[in-house]
């Protein structure tokens, strides 16, 4: 997932702000990580560069 998309992604459930934990990255991409919604407490993984927002 390109880092430039971070400022447009929000929680698909409640539209809350997402906090990001990066586990693996390269220059401008996040390869593995996790989003955490501060509002509804849901977690969303980033696997192989793809955010799983379901």
Foldseek 3Di string as FASTA:
>chain_A
DFQVCQVVDAQPPPRAHWDWDADDDDDGAGQWTKIAGPPPGDIWIHHRRRIGRD
